[in-house]
Amino acid sequence: MYDKLDLGSCYYKPSFFNMKIDLPISLGDLNDLPEGAMGLYYHEYIHFIQDISTIYGLMNISTINYYIQSCAHHVEKNKSQKAFKVPIELNEIIDNSKTNDSGLLNFALRPVYMGSSIKNKSKTIADFTYQVIPYEYSKGEFIDKVSITFIDSITGEKRCLDFGGNHVTEGMAYLCEQFNYKDILPVAEDYPYTIVQKIVENIYPEIIEEKILIIALCDISLMSYHPGLSFVRLLNFIKDKNIVHPDLSLEDLYSDCLAFIKGSHVEYSDLVDIIKAEIKKNFKADYFDDTNAWIDSIFDRIKKIRTDIPTFINDLVRFGKPSVNQFFKHLVNFVGSPLVLNSDYDGTIALPHNFKIQTEHFNPGIFLALNQVLRMFYIDKPTVCDLKEYCLSSKKVNPNLEIDEDCDLAPWKKAKSTNLCPVGAIWHHWALKDFYPNHMS
């Protein structure tokens, strides 16, 4: 539920606009970053772009917000019951008799779309195979999924997993990073980082050295709800149609392949506007005006880029390392960045060009707070607030911020603090300050 796309100890948190570069250096000026640090930043920034510029990323954001908002509504609605049971299960609080509840359906299918977890890595693998099989996600309701099997060469363990968006996004980011930083960054674990290449070797080995082409196919696959299945289908499509030839342009590839995988889902440009509205439901008070304006800015700008230049990710890679890549610099300048933390949890953010903060309330850590709220609805035991280290670092600029034992045991109590931290601001804004999870049930 609270997922990370990671490379070593660096990560990006999908749906929550936060990346961490686990180095004790300032990340405020990309021009000052050492090459190795820039390579790590580049990998995680690709994940940010995947998150906001693809149908898969947008639907992931939508599904997470659907869960959080459904839980908040359920808790606040039961005013006489201050303690709420955790984890909150959607099928217990949503009226299943409702028809056309796409949010509930997408939540049920999310594990299939994402595929297996990438946490347990395998350094080298052998005997890789895949197959497309039907999966019954509800009684009498089936969807195809891609099952993969391989042997961990070090442990000898046979692993059977589901190939999905987790692997497409990581495989794509790793290909981008290695395309420009292979001389600096080390080779990563076979699982999950090279799984897309293993799929290519199984289906269409003739293109295995065409890294830009594989990156493009990953990107196109992410323009669907079910990128793992779409990736397999695309490989078979371009092989059967024999459309890969020396004169093939990326523009033609995108046009042909996007038409092939197009399903009944909402158009990308319309989906962007829907997701913007869904995110802003979290922030209805004037206090969050700058946050909502920032959301509008990054999504409107990335929509323009994706619409005008569908192949822009490939351009980002082909034009070289970010230190000499004017397209990368333009993208970061135009769209900005998520909240970026270093190993000391010092946060920085690149705001979109000409975006002006109007009040003192803008805090990109508010999306980390949404992630913490998700944890409070979903984790069945007390856990330290995920923002504690970030808030400790933030005391450098806000010395009145209160860091105490509630951060360790009961972060929901921060809604009653005089100086609201990001978690306290969300919990208070949602009129939940008197509600708390019951970890004893």
Protein backbone atom coordinates (compact mmCIF):
# COMPACT_ATOMS: atom_id res chain seq x y z
CA MET A 1 0.00 0.00 0.00
CA TYR A 2 2.76 2.44 0.97
CA ASP A 3 5.10 1.63 -1.88
CA LYS A 4 8.55 2.82 -2.84
CA LEU A 5 10.42 2.63 -6.12
CA ASP A 6 14.02 2.38 -5.03
CA LEU A 7 17.59 2.10 -6.20
CA GLY A 8 19.75 1.08 -3.28
CA SER A 9 18.81 3.36 -0.38
CA CYS A 10 17.42 6.06 -2.67
CA TYR A 11 13.74 6.03 -3.52
CA TYR A 12 10.68 7.72 -4.95
CA LYS A 13 7.27 7.37 -3.28
CA PRO A 14 4.63 7.07 -6.01
CA SER A 15 1.49 9.17 -5.46
CA PHE A 16 3.15 11.26 -2.74
CA PHE A 17 5.63 13.41 -4.69
CA ASN A 18 8.67 12.63 -2.59
CA MET A 19 12.11 11.32 -3.46
CA LYS A 20 15.14 10.68 -1.33
CA ILE A 21 18.77 10.77 -2.42
CA ASP A 22 20.58 9.08 0.44
CA LEU A 23 23.70 11.23 0.43
CA PRO A 24 24.82 13.88 2.98
CA ILE A 25 25.01 16.65 0.39
CA SER A 26 22.94 19.67 -0.54
CA LEU A 27 20.47 18.93 -3.35
CA GLY A 28 19.32 22.50 -3.87
CA ASP A 29 21.38 23.20 -6.99
CA LEU A 30 21.59 20.38 -9.52
CA ASN A 31 24.50 22.10 -11.25
CA ASP A 32 26.61 21.46 -8.12
CA LEU A 33 25.88 17.74 -7.80
CA PRO A 34 28.71 15.24 -8.36
CA GLU A 35 28.13 12.97 -11.36
CA GLY A 36 27.26 9.92 -9.25
CA ALA A 37 24.72 11.85 -7.18
CA MET A 38 23.22 13.27 -10.36
CA GLY A 39 22.81 9.76 -11.74
CA LEU A 40 20.86 8.73 -8.63
CA TYR A 41 18.76 11.89 -8.83
CA TYR A 42 18.11 11.21 -12.51
CA HIS A 43 16.83 7.67 -11.81
CA GLU A 44 14.39 8.84 -9.13
CA TYR A 45 13.30 11.86 -11.17
CA ILE A 46 12.31 9.47 -13.98
CA HIS A 47 9.97 7.82 -11.45
CA PHE A 48 8.44 11.22 -10.67
CA ILE A 49 7.80 11.80 -14.37
CA GLN A 50 6.31 8.30 -14.71
CA ASP A 51 4.03 9.11 -11.79
CA ILE A 52 2.55 12.31 -13.20
CA SER A 53 2.76 11.78 -16.98
CA THR A 54 1.36 8.26 -17.53
CA ILE A 55 -2.08 6.67 -17.23
CA TYR A 56 -0.66 4.01 -14.90
CA GLY A 57 0.85 6.63 -12.60
CA LEU A 58 -2.30 8.74 -12.57
CA MET A 59 -4.51 5.76 -11.83
CA ASN A 60 -2.22 4.77 -8.97
CA ILE A 61 -2.60 8.27 -7.52
CA SER A 62 -6.37 8.08 -8.01
CA THR A 63 -6.65 4.69 -6.30
CA ILE A 64 -4.58 5.74 -3.28
CA ASN A 65 -6.61 8.93 -2.89
CA TYR A 66 -9.82 6.92 -3.20
CA TYR A 67 -8.71 4.73 -0.30
CA ILE A 68 -7.55 7.61 1.91
CA GLN A 69 -10.64 9.74 1.30
CA SER A 70 -13.01 6.79 1.76
CA CYS A 71 -11.37 5.97 5.08
CA ALA A 72 -11.47 9.58 6.27
CA HIS A 73 -15.15 9.88 5.35
CA HIS A 74 -15.95 6.60 7.11
CA VAL A 75 -14.15 7.64 10.32
CA GLU A 76 -15.62 11.16 10.44
CA LYS A 77 -19.14 9.89 9.65
CA ASN A 78 -19.19 7.61 12.72
CA LYS A 79 -19.02 10.51 15.17
CA SER A 80 -20.05 8.47 18.21
CA GLN A 81 -17.14 6.04 17.74
CA LYS A 82 -13.88 7.92 18.31
CA ALA A 83 -11.69 4.83 18.03
CA PHE A 84 -11.66 3.19 14.60
CA LYS A 85 -10.58 -0.32 13.72
CA VAL A 86 -7.41 -0.76 11.66
CA PRO A 87 -6.63 -1.75 9.06
CA ILE A 88 -9.69 -0.25 7.40
CA GLU A 89 -10.87 -2.57 4.66
CA LEU A 90 -12.68 -0.91 1.76
CA ASN A 91 -15.02 -3.83 1.19
CA GLU A 92 -16.27 -3.36 4.76
CA ILE A 93 -16.98 0.37 4.51
CA ILE A 94 -18.05 0.83 0.88
CA ASP A 95 -21.60 0.00 -0.16
CA ASN A 96 -21.00 -2.95 -2.50
CA SER A 97 -24.49 -2.58 -3.94
CA LYS A 98 -23.37 0.57 -5.72
CA THR A 99 -22.96 0.11 -9.45
CA ASN A 100 -20.14 1.52 -11.56
CA ASP A 101 -17.86 2.22 -8.59
CA SER A 102 -14.66 2.39 -10.60
CA GLY A 103 -12.67 3.39 -7.52
CA LEU A 104 -13.49 0.17 -5.72
CA LEU A 105 -12.80 -1.90 -8.84
CA ASN A 106 -9.46 -0.21 -9.46
CA PHE A 107 -8.51 -0.74 -5.82
CA ALA A 108 -9.28 -4.46 -6.16
CA LEU A 109 -7.21 -4.69 -9.35
CA ARG A 110 -4.31 -2.55 -8.13
CA PRO A 111 -2.19 -5.52 -6.93
CA VAL A 112 -2.52 -7.11 -10.40
CA TYR A 113 -1.65 -3.89 -12.19
CA MET A 114 1.39 -3.28 -9.93
CA GLY A 115 2.67 -6.85 -9.85
CA SER A 116 4.72 -8.37 -7.05
CA SER A 117 6.73 -6.36 -4.57
CA ILE A 118 10.25 -5.36 -5.54
CA LYS A 119 11.57 -5.32 -1.98
CA ASN A 120 13.12 -8.79 -1.97
CA LYS A 121 15.78 -8.48 -4.63
CA SER A 122 17.81 -11.17 -6.41
CA LYS A 123 21.32 -10.18 -7.47
CA THR A 124 21.52 -12.62 -10.37
CA ILE A 125 18.86 -14.88 -11.81
CA ALA A 126 18.69 -17.86 -14.18
CA ASP A 127 16.11 -19.98 -15.99
CA PHE A 128 13.73 -17.05 -16.49
CA THR A 129 10.31 -17.84 -17.98
CA TYR A 130 6.98 -16.06 -18.24
CA GLN A 131 3.40 -16.92 -19.08
CA VAL A 132 0.11 -15.04 -19.38
CA ILE A 133 -2.54 -16.63 -17.17
CA PRO A 134 -6.12 -15.76 -16.14
CA TYR A 135 -6.58 -14.47 -12.59
CA GLU A 136 -9.91 -14.47 -10.75
CA TYR A 137 -9.94 -11.17 -8.84
CA SER A 138 -13.61 -11.50 -7.86
CA LYS A 139 -16.09 -14.37 -8.02
CA GLY A 140 -16.57 -15.16 -11.70
CA GLU A 141 -14.50 -12.12 -12.77
CA PHE A 142 -11.17 -12.71 -14.49
CA ILE A 143 -8.27 -10.63 -15.78
CA ASP A 144 -5.07 -11.77 -17.47
CA LYS A 145 -1.81 -11.31 -15.63
CA VAL A 146 1.83 -12.08 -16.42
CA SER A 147 3.44 -14.68 -14.18
CA ILE A 148 7.25 -14.92 -14.11
CA THR A 149 9.48 -17.65 -12.73
CA PHE A 150 13.24 -17.72 -12.20
CA ILE A 151 15.98 -19.19 -10.03
CA ASP A 152 17.92 -16.94 -7.66
CA SER A 153 21.46 -17.89 -8.69
CA ILE A 154 22.90 -17.24 -5.24
CA THR A 155 20.32 -18.89 -2.99
CA GLY A 156 19.03 -21.48 -5.47
CA GLU A 157 15.47 -20.43 -4.59
CA LYS A 158 12.80 -20.75 -7.26
CA ARG A 159 10.76 -17.55 -7.30
CA CYS A 160 7.29 -17.23 -8.82
CA LEU A 161 6.08 -13.62 -9.10
CA ASP A 162 3.70 -11.40 -11.02
CA PHE A 163 5.13 -8.97 -13.58
CA GLY A 164 3.49 -5.55 -13.45
CA GLY A 165 3.89 -1.79 -13.21
CA ASN A 166 6.49 -2.07 -10.43
CA HIS A 167 8.84 -3.86 -12.81
CA VAL A 168 8.09 -1.77 -15.89
CA THR A 169 8.76 1.49 -14.03
CA GLU A 170 11.95 0.20 -12.40
CA GLY A 171 13.17 -1.45 -15.59
CA MET A 172 12.58 1.73 -17.55
CA ALA A 173 14.28 4.00 -15.00
CA TYR A 174 17.24 1.63 -14.79
CA LEU A 175 17.62 1.59 -18.59
CA CYS A 176 17.52 5.41 -18.64
CA GLU A 177 20.08 5.65 -15.86
CA GLN A 178 22.41 3.06 -17.39
CA PHE A 179 22.14 4.65 -20.83
CA ASN A 180 23.81 7.78 -19.44
CA TYR A 181 25.58 6.66 -16.25
CA LYS A 182 26.81 3.13 -16.95
CA ASP A 183 30.38 4.37 -16.55
CA ILE A 184 29.66 5.66 -13.04
CA LEU A 185 26.80 3.78 -11.37
CA PRO A 186 27.17 0.07 -10.57
CA VAL A 187 25.12 -2.72 -12.11
CA ALA A 188 21.94 -3.29 -10.08
CA GLU A 189 20.22 -6.51 -9.08
CA ASP A 190 18.67 -8.60 -11.86
CA TYR A 191 15.41 -8.59 -9.92
CA PRO A 192 13.69 -6.21 -10.29
CA TYR A 193 15.82 -3.98 -12.52
CA THR A 194 16.42 -6.18 -15.58
CA ILE A 195 13.13 -8.07 -15.70
CA VAL A 196 11.81 -6.05 -18.65
CA GLN A 197 14.97 -7.02 -20.53
CA LYS A 198 14.46 -10.68 -19.61
CA ILE A 199 10.94 -10.44 -21.08
CA VAL A 200 12.41 -8.93 -24.26
CA GLU A 201 14.97 -11.75 -24.50
CA ASN A 202 12.15 -14.28 -24.27
CA ILE A 203 9.86 -12.69 -26.85
CA TYR A 204 11.91 -10.58 -29.24
CA PRO A 205 15.65 -11.07 -28.59
CA GLU A 206 16.55 -9.34 -31.85
CA ILE A 207 15.91 -5.92 -30.24
CA ILE A 208 17.65 -6.52 -26.89
CA GLU A 209 20.44 -4.06 -27.72
CA GLU A 210 17.97 -1.36 -28.80
CA LYS A 211 17.77 0.28 -25.38
CA ILE A 212 15.94 3.41 -26.53
CA LEU A 213 13.33 1.21 -28.20
CA ILE A 214 12.83 -0.80 -24.99
CA ILE A 215 12.54 2.43 -22.98
CA ALA A 216 9.91 3.60 -25.45
CA LEU A 217 7.95 0.34 -25.10
CA CYS A 218 8.05 0.65 -21.31
CA ASP A 219 6.80 4.23 -21.55
CA ILE A 220 4.01 3.25 -23.96
CA SER A 221 3.01 0.34 -21.71
CA LEU A 222 2.62 2.78 -18.82
CA MET A 223 -0.04 4.56 -20.87
CA SER A 224 -2.40 1.78 -19.76
CA TYR A 225 -3.86 0.55 -16.47
CA HIS A 226 -2.07 -2.81 -16.80
CA PRO A 227 1.49 -2.10 -17.98
CA GLY A 228 2.90 -5.59 -17.35
CA LEU A 229 0.40 -7.23 -19.68
CA SER A 230 0.64 -4.31 -22.13
CA PHE A 231 4.44 -4.69 -22.33
CA VAL A 232 4.14 -8.38 -23.26
CA ARG A 233 1.38 -7.67 -25.78
CA LEU A 234 3.39 -4.82 -27.34
CA LEU A 235 6.46 -6.98 -27.84
CA ASN A 236 4.39 -9.63 -29.59
CA PHE A 237 2.66 -6.96 -31.66
CA ILE A 238 5.80 -5.31 -33.01
CA LYS A 239 7.39 -8.70 -33.66
CA ASP A 240 4.35 -10.11 -35.49
CA LYS A 241 3.85 -6.92 -37.52
CA ASN A 242 7.59 -6.61 -38.16
CA ILE A 243 7.41 -2.85 -37.66
CA VAL A 244 10.96 -2.48 -36.32
CA HIS A 245 13.22 -1.45 -39.18
CA PRO A 246 16.07 1.06 -39.72
CA ASP A 247 13.71 3.80 -40.89
CA LEU A 248 11.27 3.45 -37.98
CA SER A 249 10.76 6.74 -36.15
CA LEU A 250 9.89 6.89 -32.48
CA GLU A 251 6.92 9.05 -33.39
CA ASP A 252 5.54 6.27 -35.63
CA LEU A 253 6.29 3.65 -32.96
CA TYR A 254 4.34 5.62 -30.37
CA SER A 255 1.46 6.21 -32.76
CA ASP A 256 1.14 2.55 -33.78
CA CYS A 257 1.68 1.09 -30.32
CA LEU A 258 -0.57 3.52 -28.45
CA ALA A 259 -3.35 2.72 -30.90
CA PHE A 260 -2.76 -1.00 -30.32
CA ILE A 261 -2.97 -0.90 -26.48
CA LYS A 262 -5.75 1.67 -26.29
CA GLY A 263 -8.55 0.34 -24.12
CA SER A 264 -11.78 1.77 -22.78
CA HIS A 265 -10.05 3.96 -20.22
CA VAL A 266 -10.35 7.74 -20.03
CA GLU A 267 -8.12 9.76 -22.36
CA TYR A 268 -4.85 10.86 -20.77
CA SER A 269 -5.59 14.60 -21.01
CA ASP A 270 -9.01 14.14 -19.38
CA LEU A 271 -7.53 11.86 -16.72
CA VAL A 272 -5.04 14.54 -15.69
CA ASP A 273 -7.89 16.94 -14.92
CA ILE A 274 -9.79 14.25 -13.00
CA ILE A 275 -6.76 13.38 -10.87
CA LYS A 276 -6.00 17.03 -10.14
CA ALA A 277 -9.51 17.46 -8.79
CA GLU A 278 -9.25 14.25 -6.73
CA ILE A 279 -5.97 15.34 -5.13
CA LYS A 280 -7.34 18.77 -4.31
CA LYS A 281 -10.26 17.21 -2.42
CA ASN A 282 -7.66 16.65 0.30
CA PHE A 283 -7.02 20.38 0.63
CA LYS A 284 -10.27 22.35 0.64
CA ALA A 285 -9.29 25.13 3.04
CA ASP A 286 -7.71 28.45 2.00
CA TYR A 287 -4.72 27.37 4.08
CA PHE A 288 -3.80 24.99 1.23
CA ASP A 289 -4.22 27.40 -1.70
CA ASP A 290 -0.52 27.30 -2.58
CA THR A 291 -0.53 23.50 -2.47
CA ASN A 292 -3.48 23.34 -4.87
CA ALA A 293 -1.88 25.90 -7.17
CA TRP A 294 1.31 23.80 -7.24
CA ILE A 295 -0.70 20.70 -8.16
CA ASP A 296 -2.38 22.60 -10.98
CA SER A 297 0.97 23.85 -12.24
CA ILE A 298 2.90 20.56 -12.38
CA PHE A 299 0.03 18.60 -13.91
CA ASP A 300 -0.94 21.24 -16.46
CA ARG A 301 2.67 21.55 -17.57
CA ILE A 302 3.41 17.83 -17.80
CA LYS A 303 0.15 17.35 -19.70
CA LYS A 304 1.32 19.88 -22.27
CA ILE A 305 4.66 18.09 -22.68
CA ARG A 306 3.11 14.60 -22.93
CA THR A 307 0.50 15.87 -25.42
CA ASP A 308 2.88 17.92 -27.57
CA ILE A 309 5.86 15.52 -27.42
CA PRO A 310 4.73 11.94 -26.64
CA THR A 311 8.33 10.73 -27.07
CA PHE A 312 9.79 13.22 -24.59
CA ILE A 313 11.21 10.59 -22.22
CA ASN A 314 13.32 9.20 -25.05
CA ASP A 315 14.54 12.69 -25.90
CA LEU A 316 15.46 13.11 -22.24
CA VAL A 317 17.68 10.04 -22.48
CA ARG A 318 19.13 10.52 -25.96
CA PHE A 319 20.34 14.06 -25.28
CA GLY A 320 22.89 12.83 -22.74
CA LYS A 321 23.71 13.28 -19.08
CA PRO A 322 21.72 15.99 -17.26
CA SER A 323 24.89 18.05 -16.75
CA VAL A 324 25.02 18.65 -20.53
CA ASN A 325 21.39 17.93 -21.36
CA GLN A 326 19.44 21.11 -22.13
CA PHE A 327 16.20 19.16 -22.47
CA PHE A 328 16.54 17.79 -18.93
CA LYS A 329 17.27 21.27 -17.61
CA HIS A 330 14.25 22.65 -19.46
CA LEU A 331 12.02 19.88 -18.06
CA VAL A 332 13.08 20.47 -14.45
CA ASN A 333 12.77 24.22 -14.94
CA PHE A 334 9.33 23.94 -16.57
CA VAL A 335 7.73 21.23 -14.41
CA GLY A 336 9.82 21.43 -11.26
CA SER A 337 10.56 18.56 -8.89
CA PRO A 338 8.91 16.74 -6.02
CA LEU A 339 10.12 17.25 -2.47
CA VAL A 340 13.68 15.89 -2.42
CA LEU A 341 15.31 14.73 0.82
CA ASN A 342 18.97 13.99 1.43
CA SER A 343 20.34 11.53 4.01
CA ASP A 344 19.95 14.20 6.73
CA TYR A 345 16.28 14.69 5.73
CA ASP A 346 16.96 18.24 4.61
CA GLY A 347 14.26 18.95 2.05
CA THR A 348 14.41 20.97 -1.13
CA ILE A 349 12.08 21.45 -4.07
CA ALA A 350 12.47 22.93 -7.55
CA LEU A 351 9.33 24.95 -8.19
CA PRO A 352 8.02 25.32 -11.75
CA HIS A 353 9.34 28.39 -13.54
CA ASN A 354 7.37 31.53 -12.62
CA PHE A 355 5.35 29.69 -9.98
CA LYS A 356 4.91 32.11 -7.10
CA ILE A 357 4.16 31.08 -3.52
CA GLN A 358 1.56 33.49 -2.19
CA THR A 359 1.45 32.59 1.51
CA GLU A 360 3.66 31.21 4.28
CA HIS A 361 1.69 27.96 4.42
CA PHE A 362 3.15 26.12 1.42
CA ASN A 363 4.83 22.94 2.62
CA PRO A 364 5.52 20.13 0.12
CA GLY A 365 5.86 17.85 3.14
CA ILE A 366 2.06 17.80 3.20
CA PHE A 367 2.18 14.88 0.74
CA LEU A 368 4.45 12.97 3.10
CA ALA A 369 1.71 13.65 5.64
CA LEU A 370 -0.87 12.07 3.32
CA ASN A 371 1.35 8.99 3.19
CA GLN A 372 1.46 8.96 6.98
CA VAL A 373 -2.35 9.25 7.13
CA LEU A 374 -2.51 6.22 4.83
CA ARG A 375 -0.31 4.36 7.30
CA MET A 376 -2.59 5.36 10.19
CA PHE A 377 -5.58 3.89 8.37
CA TYR A 378 -3.75 0.75 7.27
CA ILE A 379 -1.08 -0.33 9.80
CA ASP A 380 -2.47 -2.37 12.68
CA LYS A 381 0.13 -1.37 15.28
CA PRO A 382 1.64 1.90 16.54
CA THR A 383 4.54 3.08 14.39
CA VAL A 384 6.82 6.09 14.50
CA CYS A 385 5.55 8.89 12.28
CA ASP A 386 7.21 8.65 8.89
CA LEU A 387 7.83 12.42 8.97
CA LYS A 388 9.71 12.55 12.27
CA GLU A 389 13.19 12.95 10.76
CA TYR A 390 11.86 15.42 8.19
CA CYS A 391 10.23 17.51 10.92
CA LEU A 392 13.39 17.40 13.04
CA SER A 393 15.26 18.82 10.06
CA SER A 394 12.47 21.35 9.47
CA LYS A 395 12.96 22.78 12.98
CA LYS A 396 15.95 24.62 11.52
CA VAL A 397 13.47 26.93 9.78
CA ASN A 398 10.47 26.44 12.11
CA PRO A 399 11.84 26.17 15.68
CA ASN A 400 8.30 26.16 17.12
CA LEU A 401 7.53 22.79 15.56
CA GLU A 402 6.83 20.31 18.37
CA ILE A 403 8.66 16.97 18.22
CA ASP A 404 7.64 14.76 21.14
CA GLU A 405 6.59 11.24 22.14
CA ASP A 406 3.35 11.57 20.15
CA CYS A 407 5.48 11.50 17.00
CA ASP A 408 6.63 8.03 18.08
CA LEU A 409 3.38 6.56 19.34
CA ALA A 410 0.35 8.65 18.34
CA PRO A 411 0.93 11.05 15.42
CA TRP A 412 -2.83 11.71 15.14
CA LYS A 413 -2.57 13.68 18.41
CA LYS A 414 -0.49 16.30 16.59
CA ALA A 415 -3.78 17.74 15.28
CA LYS A 416 -4.21 19.29 18.75
CA SER A 417 -0.80 21.00 18.78
CA THR A 418 -0.48 24.75 18.76
CA ASN A 419 1.98 24.61 15.86
CA LEU A 420 0.55 22.16 13.35
CA CYS A 421 3.01 19.81 11.68
CA PRO A 422 1.99 18.48 8.23
CA VAL A 423 0.26 15.42 9.73
CA GLY A 424 -1.49 17.53 12.32
CA ALA A 425 -2.63 19.96 9.64
CA ILE A 426 -4.24 17.17 7.59
CA TRP A 427 -5.87 15.41 10.55
CA HIS A 428 -7.20 18.74 11.89
CA HIS A 429 -8.39 19.93 8.48
CA TRP A 430 -10.37 16.72 7.99
CA ALA A 431 -12.12 17.24 11.37
CA LEU A 432 -10.51 14.06 12.72
CA LYS A 433 -8.67 15.53 15.70
CA ASP A 434 -10.81 13.57 18.19
CA PHE A 435 -10.48 10.26 16.31
CA TYR A 436 -7.77 7.65 16.68
CA PRO A 437 -6.93 4.13 15.49
CA ASN A 438 -7.71 1.26 17.82
CA HIS A 439 -4.65 -0.99 17.68
CA MET A 440 -6.00 -3.39 20.30
CA SER A 441 -8.85 -4.89 18.26
